[in-house]
Amino acid sequence: MSPDLTTPGSVRSAAEINEQIRALWLRAGGSLSAQERAEYELLVVEWAAAIRSRVVEAA
């Protein structure tokens, strides 16, 4: 797993993170291992933070 997944204040866009999530599911073939599930959960948290950041910036 990439170390930048857990870096607070990531500057990656929600679209970029979403693409990584999609790639993970494609690699996994639709069934995640425990390690892939942990990576997925981190990506979803990062994606949600990116979305929240975008909403706050728009307000």
Protein backbone atom coordinates (compact mmCIF):
# COMPACT_ATOMS: atom_id res chain seq x y z
CA MET A 1 0.00 0.00 0.00
CA SER A 2 1.24 3.45 -0.87
CA PRO A 3 2.35 5.60 2.10
CA ASP A 4 0.54 8.65 0.73
CA LEU A 5 -2.79 6.95 1.44
CA THR A 6 -2.50 7.79 5.12
CA THR A 7 -0.96 11.26 4.79
CA PRO A 8 -3.26 13.81 6.41
CA GLY A 9 -4.21 16.75 4.22
CA SER A 10 -3.68 14.90 0.97
CA VAL A 11 -3.85 17.14 -2.08
CA ARG A 12 -5.17 14.45 -4.39
CA SER A 13 -8.50 15.18 -6.01
CA ALA A 14 -11.61 13.12 -5.36
CA ALA A 15 -11.54 12.04 -9.01
CA GLU A 16 -7.97 10.79 -8.68
CA ILE A 17 -8.81 8.83 -5.54
CA ASN A 18 -11.96 7.46 -7.16
CA GLU A 19 -9.89 6.20 -10.07
CA GLN A 20 -7.59 4.41 -7.63
CA ILE A 21 -10.62 2.82 -5.95
CA ARG A 22 -11.91 1.61 -9.31
CA ALA A 23 -8.49 0.20 -10.20
CA LEU A 24 -8.36 -1.66 -6.88
CA TRP A 25 -11.73 -3.31 -7.55
CA LEU A 26 -10.67 -4.25 -11.08
CA ARG A 27 -7.42 -5.82 -9.83
CA ALA A 28 -9.31 -7.67 -7.11
CA GLY A 29 -11.85 -9.07 -9.53
CA GLY A 30 -14.77 -7.96 -7.38
CA SER A 31 -13.72 -9.71 -4.17
CA LEU A 32 -11.32 -7.92 -1.82
CA SER A 33 -8.78 -9.68 0.38
CA ALA A 34 -8.30 -8.41 3.94
CA GLN A 35 -5.35 -6.27 2.81
CA GLU A 36 -7.28 -4.91 -0.16
CA ARG A 37 -10.26 -4.17 2.10
CA ALA A 38 -8.01 -2.15 4.41
CA GLU A 39 -6.63 -0.22 1.42
CA TYR A 40 -10.17 0.34 0.13
CA GLU A 41 -11.31 1.70 3.49
CA LEU A 42 -8.40 4.16 3.60
CA LEU A 43 -9.15 5.28 0.06
CA VAL A 44 -12.83 5.83 0.86
CA VAL A 45 -11.92 7.96 3.90
CA GLU A 46 -9.50 9.98 1.77
CA TRP A 47 -12.10 10.32 -1.00
CA ALA A 48 -14.72 11.56 1.49
CA ALA A 49 -12.26 14.12 2.88
CA ALA A 50 -11.52 15.36 -0.65
CA ILE A 51 -15.25 15.71 -1.33
CA ARG A 52 -15.80 17.59 1.96
CA SER A 53 -12.88 19.87 1.16
CA ARG A 54 -14.34 20.64 -2.26
CA VAL A 55 -17.75 21.41 -0.74
CA VAL A 56 -16.21 23.72 1.88
CA GLU A 57 -14.22 25.55 -0.80
CA ALA A 58 -17.40 26.05 -2.85
CA ALA A 59 -19.31 27.51 0.10
